[in-house]
Amino acid sequence: MERPIMRNVMFLKQKSKPATAEDKSVGRDLLDTLSANRERCVGMAANMIGVKKNIIVVNIGFMNIVMYNPVIVHKDKEYETEEGCLSLEGKRKCKRFEEIEVEYQDSEFNSKKQKFSGWTAQIIQHECDHLQGIII
């Protein structure tokens, strides 16, 4: 189900809590909400739809994937960039890494460890910041 986008900065600055299998519906809602906003958004975190859980969805080019409890375990090749956010107005400067490695649980809560680079890595970093209450 598509959900409205959270714009309350005080809410967005709060850290999220670990996701459990009971939160699968939040992952589905995030996927639906991302799809509904695909022309202006490439990733979302659960707090962007008002849920403080460690869940993100990311467009990886040919499809959207959901990650439960993602943790970036390795970062390499730092650079500066500018990003926008569906929950905020305008763009802001930030630091990102060209290459990352992420541990997460997939839609069936199977543990995964995967490397990402470039644009996809940037999106994941942005959404993982959301889970920590960090907004650009």
C-alpha atoms as a PDB file:
ATOM      1  CA  MET A   1       0.000   0.000   0.000  1.00  0.00           C
ATOM      2  CA  GLU A   2       1.342   3.436  -0.903  1.00  0.00           C
ATOM      3  CA  ARG A   3       1.924   5.574   2.181  1.00  0.00           C
ATOM      4  CA  PRO A   4       2.258   9.364   2.577  1.00  0.00           C
ATOM      5  CA  ILE A   5       5.798  10.779   2.797  1.00  0.00           C
ATOM      6  CA  MET A   6       6.933  11.885   6.274  1.00  0.00           C
ATOM      7  CA  ARG A   7       8.295  15.434   6.312  1.00  0.00           C
ATOM      8  CA  ASN A   8       8.559  16.006  10.074  1.00  0.00           C
ATOM      9  CA  VAL A   9      12.286  16.591  10.654  1.00  0.00           C
ATOM     10  CA  MET A  10      12.066  15.810  14.388  1.00  0.00           C
ATOM     11  CA  PHE A  11      10.621  12.376  13.565  1.00  0.00           C
ATOM     12  CA  LEU A  12      13.194  11.776  10.814  1.00  0.00           C
ATOM     13  CA  LYS A  13      16.050  12.557  13.239  1.00  0.00           C
ATOM     14  CA  GLN A  14      15.102   9.610  15.482  1.00  0.00           C
ATOM     15  CA  LYS A  15      17.002   6.335  15.175  1.00  0.00           C
ATOM     16  CA  SER A  16      15.105   3.328  13.901  1.00  0.00           C
ATOM     17  CA  LYS A  17      14.758  -0.020  15.661  1.00  0.00           C
ATOM     18  CA  PRO A  18      15.616  -3.494  14.318  1.00  0.00           C
ATOM     19  CA  ALA A  19      13.087  -5.012  11.939  1.00  0.00           C
ATOM     20  CA  THR A  20      11.575  -8.457  12.474  1.00  0.00           C
ATOM     21  CA  ALA A  21       9.630 -10.842  10.242  1.00  0.00           C
ATOM     22  CA  GLU A  22       6.463  -9.139  11.535  1.00  0.00           C
ATOM     23  CA  ASP A  23       7.588  -6.025   9.648  1.00  0.00           C
ATOM     24  CA  LYS A  24       7.382  -7.595   6.169  1.00  0.00           C
ATOM     25  CA  SER A  25       4.281  -5.514   5.414  1.00  0.00           C
ATOM     26  CA  VAL A  26       6.323  -2.339   5.994  1.00  0.00           C
ATOM     27  CA  GLY A  27       8.798  -3.560   3.369  1.00  0.00           C
ATOM     28  CA  ARG A  28       5.943  -4.139   0.923  1.00  0.00           C
ATOM     29  CA  ASP A  29       4.500  -0.680   1.670  1.00  0.00           C
ATOM     30  CA  LEU A  30       7.935   0.858   1.071  1.00  0.00           C
ATOM     31  CA  LEU A  31       8.191  -0.911  -2.284  1.00  0.00           C
ATOM     32  CA  ASP A  32       4.723   0.328  -3.254  1.00  0.00           C
ATOM     33  CA  THR A  33       5.513   3.880  -2.132  1.00  0.00           C
ATOM     34  CA  LEU A  34       8.835   3.897  -3.991  1.00  0.00           C
ATOM     35  CA  SER A  35       7.118   2.646  -7.148  1.00  0.00           C
ATOM     36  CA  ALA A  36       4.474   5.371  -6.842  1.00  0.00           C
ATOM     37  CA  ASN A  37       7.254   7.994  -6.591  1.00  0.00           C
ATOM     38  CA  ARG A  38       9.663   6.440  -9.129  1.00  0.00           C
ATOM     39  CA  GLU A  39       9.917   9.616 -11.211  1.00  0.00           C
ATOM     40  CA  ARG A  40      11.426  11.562  -8.299  1.00  0.00           C
ATOM     41  CA  CYS A  41      12.836   8.950  -5.920  1.00  0.00           C
ATOM     42  CA  VAL A  42      15.297   6.015  -6.126  1.00  0.00           C
ATOM     43  CA  GLY A  43      15.326   4.798  -2.526  1.00  0.00           C
ATOM     44  CA  MET A  44      13.415   5.058   0.729  1.00  0.00           C
ATOM     45  CA  ALA A  45      13.788   4.253   4.400  1.00  0.00           C
ATOM     46  CA  ALA A  46      10.894   3.158   6.608  1.00  0.00           C
ATOM     47  CA  ASN A  47      10.955   6.376   8.624  1.00  0.00           C
ATOM     48  CA  MET A  48      10.081   8.216   5.408  1.00  0.00           C
ATOM     49  CA  ILE A  49       6.643   6.571   5.637  1.00  0.00           C
ATOM     50  CA  GLY A  50       6.364   7.091   9.396  1.00  0.00           C
ATOM     51  CA  VAL A  51       7.749   3.751  10.641  1.00  0.00           C
ATOM     52  CA  LYS A  52      10.887   3.677  12.828  1.00  0.00           C
ATOM     53  CA  LYS A  53      12.228   0.310  11.663  1.00  0.00           C
ATOM     54  CA  ASN A  54      15.534  -0.629  10.002  1.00  0.00           C
ATOM     55  CA  ILE A  55      14.137  -1.216   6.527  1.00  0.00           C
ATOM     56  CA  ILE A  56      15.152   0.375   3.239  1.00  0.00           C
ATOM     57  CA  VAL A  57      14.224  -0.096  -0.410  1.00  0.00           C
ATOM     58  CA  VAL A  58      16.594   0.707  -3.237  1.00  0.00           C
ATOM     59  CA  ASN A  59      16.282   0.891  -7.000  1.00  0.00           C
ATOM     60  CA  ILE A  60      19.170  -1.111  -8.440  1.00  0.00           C
ATOM     61  CA  GLY A  61      18.439  -0.188 -12.043  1.00  0.00           C
ATOM     62  CA  PHE A  62      16.210  -2.978 -13.259  1.00  0.00           C
ATOM     63  CA  MET A  63      14.268  -3.569 -10.040  1.00  0.00           C
ATOM     64  CA  ASN A  64      13.603  -2.379  -6.498  1.00  0.00           C
ATOM     65  CA  ILE A  65      14.900  -4.451  -3.586  1.00  0.00           C
ATOM     66  CA  VAL A  66      14.074  -4.379   0.104  1.00  0.00           C
ATOM     67  CA  MET A  67      16.756  -4.670   2.792  1.00  0.00           C
ATOM     68  CA  TYR A  68      15.878  -5.416   6.390  1.00  0.00           C
ATOM     69  CA  ASN A  69      18.422  -4.384   9.033  1.00  0.00           C
ATOM     70  CA  PRO A  70      21.104  -3.211   6.576  1.00  0.00           C
ATOM     71  CA  VAL A  71      24.550  -2.450   7.973  1.00  0.00           C
ATOM     72  CA  ILE A  72      27.390  -1.053   5.891  1.00  0.00           C
ATOM     73  CA  VAL A  73      30.406  -3.114   6.955  1.00  0.00           C
ATOM     74  CA  HIS A  74      32.986  -1.724   4.534  1.00  0.00           C
ATOM     75  CA  LYS A  75      33.443   1.618   2.730  1.00  0.00           C
ATOM     76  CA  ASP A  76      36.087   2.661   0.210  1.00  0.00           C
ATOM     77  CA  LYS A  77      36.912   5.659  -2.032  1.00  0.00           C
ATOM     78  CA  GLU A  78      35.301   8.641  -0.319  1.00  0.00           C
ATOM     79  CA  TYR A  79      33.973  11.535  -2.435  1.00  0.00           C
ATOM     80  CA  GLU A  80      31.786  14.624  -2.050  1.00  0.00           C
ATOM     81  CA  THR A  81      28.431  14.980  -3.764  1.00  0.00           C
ATOM     82  CA  GLU A  82      25.048  16.697  -3.504  1.00  0.00           C
ATOM     83  CA  GLU A  83      21.819  14.888  -2.741  1.00  0.00           C
ATOM     84  CA  GLY A  84      18.149  15.607  -2.509  1.00  0.00           C
ATOM     85  CA  CYS A  85      15.546  13.775  -0.450  1.00  0.00           C
ATOM     86  CA  LEU A  86      11.845  13.200  -0.975  1.00  0.00           C
ATOM     87  CA  SER A  87      11.264  14.145   2.694  1.00  0.00           C
ATOM     88  CA  LEU A  88      13.184  17.443   2.456  1.00  0.00           C
ATOM     89  CA  GLU A  89      13.313  20.496   0.205  1.00  0.00           C
ATOM     90  CA  GLY A  90      16.418  21.256  -1.832  1.00  0.00           C
ATOM     91  CA  LYS A  91      19.818  19.599  -2.137  1.00  0.00           C
ATOM     92  CA  ARG A  92      22.651  19.328   0.372  1.00  0.00           C
ATOM     93  CA  LYS A  93      26.342  18.474   0.202  1.00  0.00           C
ATOM     94  CA  CYS A  94      27.461  15.205   1.755  1.00  0.00           C
ATOM     95  CA  LYS A  95      30.283  12.653   1.730  1.00  0.00           C
ATOM     96  CA  ARG A  96      29.772   9.204   0.283  1.00  0.00           C
ATOM     97  CA  PHE A  97      31.868   6.196  -0.684  1.00  0.00           C
ATOM     98  CA  GLU A  98      32.193   4.772  -4.194  1.00  0.00           C
ATOM     99  CA  GLU A  99      32.297   1.160  -2.955  1.00  0.00           C
ATOM    100  CA  ILE A 100      30.494  -0.391   0.005  1.00  0.00           C
ATOM    101  CA  GLU A 101      29.695  -3.817   1.390  1.00  0.00           C
ATOM    102  CA  VAL A 102      26.362  -4.354   3.131  1.00  0.00           C
ATOM    103  CA  GLU A 103      25.053  -7.067   5.427  1.00  0.00           C
ATOM    104  CA  TYR A 104      21.262  -7.264   5.456  1.00  0.00           C
ATOM    105  CA  GLN A 105      18.281  -9.589   5.448  1.00  0.00           C
ATOM    106  CA  ASP A 106      16.281 -10.078   2.267  1.00  0.00           C
ATOM    107  CA  SER A 107      12.495 -10.217   1.903  1.00  0.00           C
ATOM    108  CA  GLU A 108      12.480 -13.727   3.399  1.00  0.00           C
ATOM    109  CA  PHE A 109      14.822 -12.665   6.243  1.00  0.00           C
ATOM    110  CA  ASN A 110      17.734 -14.663   4.830  1.00  0.00           C
ATOM    111  CA  SER A 111      21.102 -13.104   5.703  1.00  0.00           C
ATOM    112  CA  LYS A 112      22.990 -11.560   2.777  1.00  0.00           C
ATOM    113  CA  LYS A 113      26.317  -9.834   2.294  1.00  0.00           C
ATOM    114  CA  GLN A 114      26.751  -7.930  -0.943  1.00  0.00           C
ATOM    115  CA  LYS A 115      29.051  -5.347  -2.528  1.00  0.00           C
ATOM    116  CA  PHE A 116      27.672  -2.282  -4.284  1.00  0.00           C
ATOM    117  CA  SER A 117      29.331   0.560  -6.134  1.00  0.00           C
ATOM    118  CA  GLY A 118      28.532   3.858  -7.811  1.00  0.00           C
ATOM    119  CA  TRP A 119      25.000   5.192  -7.836  1.00  0.00           C
ATOM    120  CA  THR A 120      23.503   2.166  -6.058  1.00  0.00           C
ATOM    121  CA  ALA A 121      26.082   2.466  -3.253  1.00  0.00           C
ATOM    122  CA  GLN A 122      25.224   6.152  -2.884  1.00  0.00           C
ATOM    123  CA  ILE A 123      21.502   5.418  -2.580  1.00  0.00           C
ATOM    124  CA  ILE A 124      22.096   2.734   0.059  1.00  0.00           C
ATOM    125  CA  GLN A 125      24.295   5.074   2.097  1.00  0.00           C
ATOM    126  CA  HIS A 126      21.631   7.802   2.000  1.00  0.00           C
ATOM    127  CA  GLU A 127      18.914   5.415   3.157  1.00  0.00           C
ATOM    128  CA  CYS A 128      21.096   3.852   5.873  1.00  0.00           C
ATOM    129  CA  ASP A 129      21.756   7.381   7.170  1.00  0.00           C
ATOM    130  CA  HIS A 130      17.983   7.776   7.522  1.00  0.00           C
ATOM    131  CA  LEU A 131      17.882   4.706   9.771  1.00  0.00           C
ATOM    132  CA  GLN A 132      20.392   6.397  12.091  1.00  0.00           C
ATOM    133  CA  GLY A 133      18.402   9.632  12.195  1.00  0.00           C
ATOM    134  CA  ILE A 134      20.939  11.370   9.952  1.00  0.00           C
ATOM    135  CA  ILE A 135      19.336  13.626   7.393  1.00  0.00           C
ATOM    136  CA  ILE A 136      21.279  15.498   4.751  1.00  0.00           C
END
